[in-house]
């Protein structure tokens, strides 16, 4: 079981993770982080939990992770971004997590729009962003990150598409060390993107994805739409060519036709 001291010891950041709220069990790290952010928690504060009783992914779906084997935490940010650009933040987080995981595990990580990370075509991590906006500005965002680290068994039907870093690499990873590496990568990329513009994360994300020019099916609120991926918009939307029309999507479940789903 990881404590706040375990997580912070040796952490090489300026602000990210300087304040960590660590729990053995909590309903949802995102719920707690949103409450703390609303009470003026600082930029870069983190809520960590060994176990979530009501963890969730996109569209309110449950996120199940075995306690004491994985990493589940939420990062509070107060970016200077217009509300319509918050879709870039899951891409930023995906790039940072991918980089840290590759260095720690030696695995090759792939990004799948809009918020999944894969190894060997199987999902091992997910990202959930929730934002609070006021008028035309972002008050705060919470980025929830779940990483399957050392878990080896997954309930059905998740087991058909999920994996962990241990399953993929064949070895047990030091969770505290990986946590620090991820947080350091998150701060590094956030600092650079804040100065260069968050749109610059788009080519970085695309370089880690095999979706470009692939035919996919996207389900949005139960309605399927198929087409060819042409790229990402400056706001982080998926550009989909459907016949003679280009559409930009900001949410949906993606299946690559003839590939992973």
Protein backbone atom coordinates (compact mmCIF):
# COMPACT_ATOMS: atom_id res chain seq x y z
CA UNK A 1 0.00 0.00 0.00
CA UNK A 2 1.45 3.34 -1.07
CA UNK A 3 1.48 6.33 1.27
CA UNK A 4 1.89 10.02 0.50
CA UNK A 5 5.52 9.73 1.59
CA UNK A 6 6.10 6.79 -0.78
CA UNK A 7 4.69 8.78 -3.68
CA UNK A 8 6.54 12.02 -2.98
CA UNK A 9 9.95 10.64 -2.00
CA UNK A 10 12.36 11.51 -4.81
CA UNK A 11 9.74 13.35 -6.88
CA UNK A 12 11.55 15.84 -9.13
CA UNK A 13 8.93 18.46 -9.90
CA UNK A 14 8.40 22.13 -9.13
CA UNK A 15 4.68 22.08 -8.42
CA UNK A 16 3.04 18.86 -9.63
CA UNK A 17 2.59 16.48 -6.72
CA UNK A 18 3.91 18.92 -4.15
CA UNK A 19 0.49 18.42 -2.56
CA UNK A 20 -0.80 14.85 -2.59
CA UNK A 21 -3.99 13.63 -0.95
CA UNK A 22 -3.50 9.88 -0.57
CA UNK A 23 -6.34 7.50 0.36
CA UNK A 24 -6.53 3.77 0.96
CA UNK A 25 -10.09 3.83 -0.34
CA UNK A 26 -12.30 6.53 -1.83
CA UNK A 27 -15.39 6.68 -4.02
CA UNK A 28 -13.67 8.49 -6.90
CA UNK A 29 -10.43 10.43 -7.12
CA UNK A 30 -12.04 12.73 -9.69
CA UNK A 31 -14.94 13.52 -7.33
CA UNK A 32 -12.55 14.36 -4.53
CA UNK A 33 -10.28 16.40 -6.81
CA UNK A 34 -13.23 18.43 -8.11
CA UNK A 35 -14.31 19.24 -4.57
CA UNK A 36 -10.76 20.25 -3.62
CA UNK A 37 -10.35 22.33 -6.78
CA UNK A 38 -13.58 24.13 -5.92
CA UNK A 39 -12.03 24.92 -2.53
CA UNK A 40 -8.92 26.50 -4.08
CA UNK A 41 -6.60 23.49 -4.14
CA UNK A 42 -3.41 24.50 -5.97
CA UNK A 43 -2.46 23.83 -9.56
CA UNK A 44 -0.67 20.48 -9.68
CA UNK A 45 -2.33 18.97 -6.60
CA UNK A 46 -3.02 15.24 -6.86
CA UNK A 47 -5.59 12.91 -5.35
CA UNK A 48 -4.36 9.29 -5.18
CA UNK A 49 -6.28 6.20 -4.10
CA UNK A 50 -5.34 2.56 -3.78
CA UNK A 51 -8.99 1.63 -4.32
CA UNK A 52 -11.99 3.43 -5.79
CA UNK A 53 -15.45 2.18 -4.90
CA UNK A 54 -17.11 4.25 -7.66
CA UNK A 55 -14.31 4.85 -10.14
CA UNK A 56 -15.53 5.75 -13.59
CA UNK A 57 -14.51 6.27 -17.17
CA UNK A 58 -16.19 8.19 -19.95
CA UNK A 59 -20.00 8.35 -20.17
CA UNK A 60 -20.23 7.40 -16.49
CA UNK A 61 -18.99 3.85 -17.02
CA UNK A 62 -17.30 2.08 -14.16
CA UNK A 63 -13.51 1.81 -13.95
CA UNK A 64 -12.49 -1.32 -12.04
CA UNK A 65 -8.94 -1.73 -10.75
CA UNK A 66 -7.64 -4.20 -8.20
CA UNK A 67 -6.45 -2.42 -5.02
CA UNK A 68 -2.73 -2.14 -4.30
CA UNK A 69 -1.75 -3.27 -7.80
CA UNK A 70 -2.38 -0.27 -10.04
CA UNK A 71 -2.22 3.54 -10.17
CA UNK A 72 -5.40 5.59 -9.96
CA UNK A 73 -5.09 9.32 -9.38
CA UNK A 74 -6.42 12.70 -10.45
CA UNK A 75 -4.48 15.85 -11.27
CA UNK A 76 -5.85 19.36 -10.71
CA UNK A 77 -4.89 21.98 -13.28
CA UNK A 78 -5.83 25.61 -13.85
CA UNK A 79 -4.77 26.15 -17.48
CA UNK A 80 -5.14 29.41 -19.34
CA UNK A 81 -7.27 27.92 -22.11
CA UNK A 82 -10.59 28.78 -23.72
CA UNK A 83 -13.24 26.16 -22.91
CA UNK A 84 -13.34 24.82 -26.48
CA UNK A 85 -9.68 23.77 -26.21
CA UNK A 86 -10.04 21.52 -23.17
CA UNK A 87 -10.24 18.52 -25.54
CA UNK A 88 -6.49 18.96 -26.04
CA UNK A 89 -5.76 18.11 -22.40
CA UNK A 90 -6.49 14.35 -22.58
CA UNK A 91 -4.12 14.24 -25.56
CA UNK A 92 -1.44 16.01 -23.52
CA UNK A 93 -1.92 13.59 -20.63
CA UNK A 94 -1.78 10.59 -22.97
CA UNK A 95 1.53 11.72 -24.48
CA UNK A 96 3.05 12.29 -21.04
CA UNK A 97 1.86 8.97 -19.62
CA UNK A 98 3.00 7.10 -22.74
CA UNK A 99 6.47 8.59 -22.52
CA UNK A 100 6.87 7.73 -18.84
CA UNK A 101 5.56 4.20 -19.24
CA UNK A 102 7.85 3.49 -22.18
CA UNK A 103 10.89 4.59 -20.18
CA UNK A 104 9.87 2.53 -17.17
CA UNK A 105 8.78 -0.65 -18.94
CA UNK A 106 10.55 -0.76 -22.30
CA UNK A 107 7.16 -1.31 -23.96
CA UNK A 108 5.85 0.60 -26.97
CA UNK A 109 2.72 2.57 -26.09
CA UNK A 110 0.07 3.55 -28.60
CA UNK A 111 -2.50 6.34 -28.23
CA UNK A 112 -6.11 5.63 -29.22
CA UNK A 113 -8.54 8.53 -29.51
CA UNK A 114 -10.04 9.93 -27.43
CA UNK A 115 -8.51 8.77 -24.14
CA UNK A 116 -7.02 5.28 -24.26
CA UNK A 117 -3.47 3.96 -24.08
CA UNK A 118 -2.59 0.57 -25.51
CA UNK A 119 0.22 -1.95 -25.50
CA UNK A 120 0.03 -4.78 -27.99
CA UNK A 121 -3.41 -3.59 -29.07
CA UNK A 122 -4.86 -3.93 -25.56
CA UNK A 123 -5.89 -1.12 -23.24
CA UNK A 124 -3.83 -0.63 -20.09
CA UNK A 125 -4.66 2.98 -19.22
CA UNK A 126 -7.48 5.48 -19.54
CA UNK A 127 -7.88 9.21 -19.02
CA UNK A 128 -10.99 11.07 -17.89
CA UNK A 129 -11.13 14.87 -18.04
CA UNK A 130 -13.72 16.95 -16.21
CA UNK A 131 -13.72 20.73 -16.48
CA UNK A 132 -15.31 23.62 -14.64
CA UNK A 133 -15.82 26.68 -16.80
CA UNK A 134 -17.07 30.17 -16.02
CA UNK A 135 -18.22 32.35 -18.89
CA UNK A 136 -15.43 32.11 -21.47
CA UNK A 137 -12.63 30.76 -19.31
CA UNK A 138 -11.62 27.53 -17.65
CA UNK A 139 -11.76 27.68 -13.87
CA UNK A 140 -10.10 24.31 -13.36
CA UNK A 141 -9.80 20.87 -14.91
CA UNK A 142 -9.37 17.50 -13.28
CA UNK A 143 -7.53 14.82 -15.24
CA UNK A 144 -8.21 11.34 -13.93
CA UNK A 145 -5.63 8.72 -14.85
CA UNK A 146 -5.94 4.98 -14.36
CA UNK A 147 -2.99 2.72 -15.19
CA UNK A 148 -3.11 -1.08 -14.96
CA UNK A 149 0.34 -1.78 -13.56
CA UNK A 150 0.68 -5.14 -11.80
CA UNK A 151 -2.83 -6.56 -12.04
CA UNK A 152 -2.81 -9.88 -13.89
CA UNK A 153 -6.48 -10.91 -14.00
CA UNK A 154 -9.43 -8.91 -15.30
CA UNK A 155 -13.15 -9.71 -15.10
CA UNK A 156 -15.09 -10.38 -18.27
CA UNK A 157 -15.85 -8.77 -20.62
CA UNK A 158 -12.98 -6.38 -19.77
CA UNK A 159 -10.49 -9.23 -19.94
CA UNK A 160 -11.03 -9.55 -23.68
CA UNK A 161 -9.48 -6.14 -24.42
CA UNK A 162 -7.56 -5.13 -21.26
CA UNK A 163 -4.02 -5.79 -20.13
CA UNK A 164 -1.49 -4.51 -17.62
CA UNK A 165 2.13 -3.50 -17.81
CA UNK A 166 3.05 -6.65 -15.90
CA UNK A 167 1.16 -8.88 -18.32
CA UNK A 168 2.70 -7.11 -21.30
CA UNK A 169 6.28 -6.91 -20.01
CA UNK A 170 6.47 -10.07 -17.94
CA UNK A 171 7.76 -8.28 -14.86
CA UNK A 172 6.48 -6.49 -11.78
CA UNK A 173 6.95 -2.72 -11.85
CA UNK A 174 7.67 -0.44 -8.89
CA UNK A 175 4.43 1.53 -8.67
CA UNK A 176 5.82 4.44 -6.66
CA UNK A 177 8.68 4.92 -9.10
CA UNK A 178 6.30 4.76 -12.05
CA UNK A 179 3.96 7.27 -10.38
CA UNK A 180 6.83 9.74 -9.96
CA UNK A 181 7.92 9.26 -13.56
CA UNK A 182 4.40 9.91 -14.83
CA UNK A 183 3.96 13.03 -12.69
CA UNK A 184 7.33 14.37 -13.81
CA UNK A 185 6.40 13.80 -17.46
CA UNK A 186 3.03 15.47 -16.90
CA UNK A 187 4.70 18.57 -15.49
CA UNK A 188 7.39 18.68 -18.17
CA UNK A 189 4.91 18.55 -21.05
CA UNK A 190 2.46 20.91 -19.35
CA UNK A 191 5.19 23.51 -18.87
CA UNK A 192 6.32 23.31 -22.49
CA UNK A 193 2.81 23.27 -23.93
CA UNK A 194 1.78 26.23 -21.79
CA UNK A 195 4.50 28.29 -23.47
CA UNK A 196 4.33 26.86 -27.01
CA UNK A 197 0.56 26.47 -27.20
CA UNK A 198 -1.44 23.34 -26.41
CA UNK A 199 -2.17 22.82 -30.12
CA UNK A 200 1.42 21.64 -30.48
CA UNK A 201 0.45 18.42 -28.68
CA UNK A 202 -1.54 17.30 -31.74
CA UNK A 203 1.46 16.13 -33.84
CA UNK A 204 3.01 14.55 -30.73
CA UNK A 205 -0.14 12.53 -30.13
CA UNK A 206 -0.49 11.58 -33.81
CA UNK A 207 3.08 10.26 -33.84
CA UNK A 208 1.99 7.72 -31.19
CA UNK A 209 -1.20 6.63 -32.94
CA UNK A 210 -1.87 4.23 -35.81
CA UNK A 211 -5.35 5.61 -36.44
CA UNK A 212 -4.38 8.02 -39.21
CA UNK A 213 -5.89 7.00 -42.58
CA UNK A 214 -7.58 3.97 -40.99
CA UNK A 215 -11.26 3.22 -41.53
CA UNK A 216 -13.08 3.30 -38.24
CA UNK A 217 -16.53 3.12 -36.74
CA UNK A 218 -17.47 5.69 -34.10
CA UNK A 219 -20.45 5.26 -31.81
CA UNK A 220 -21.77 8.52 -30.38
CA UNK A 221 -24.68 8.09 -27.99
CA UNK A 222 -25.50 4.78 -29.64
CA UNK A 223 -25.44 6.12 -33.20
CA UNK A 224 -22.69 4.53 -35.36
CA UNK A 225 -20.73 6.52 -37.91
CA UNK A 226 -17.99 5.13 -40.14
CA UNK A 227 -15.27 6.84 -42.10
CA UNK A 228 -11.53 7.37 -42.53
CA UNK A 229 -9.46 9.23 -39.94
CA UNK A 230 -7.78 12.24 -41.53
CA UNK A 231 -6.20 13.72 -38.42
CA UNK A 232 -7.03 15.87 -35.42
CA UNK A 233 -8.32 19.42 -35.35
CA UNK A 234 -6.53 22.25 -33.53
CA UNK A 235 -9.05 21.76 -30.71
CA UNK A 236 -8.36 18.02 -30.38
CA UNK A 237 -11.36 16.75 -32.33
CA UNK A 238 -11.15 13.68 -34.56
CA UNK A 239 -11.40 14.58 -38.25
CA UNK A 240 -13.42 11.88 -39.96
CA UNK A 241 -13.91 11.65 -43.72
CA UNK A 242 -17.36 10.22 -44.41
CA UNK A 243 -17.91 10.07 -48.15
CA UNK A 244 -17.47 13.59 -49.50
CA UNK A 245 -17.89 15.19 -46.09
CA UNK A 246 -15.42 15.86 -43.28
CA UNK A 247 -16.79 15.77 -39.75
CA UNK A 248 -15.10 16.73 -36.49
CA UNK A 249 -16.00 14.60 -33.47
CA UNK A 250 -15.17 15.31 -29.84
CA UNK A 251 -16.54 12.16 -28.20
CA UNK A 252 -17.37 8.60 -29.09
CA UNK A 253 -16.35 4.95 -28.88
CA UNK A 254 -13.95 4.02 -31.66
CA UNK A 255 -13.45 0.65 -33.34
CA UNK A 256 -10.82 0.34 -36.07
CA UNK A 257 -12.42 -1.81 -38.74
CA UNK A 258 -10.35 -4.91 -39.16
CA UNK A 259 -8.17 -3.95 -36.18
CA UNK A 260 -8.45 -3.54 -32.43
CA UNK A 261 -11.60 -2.16 -30.87
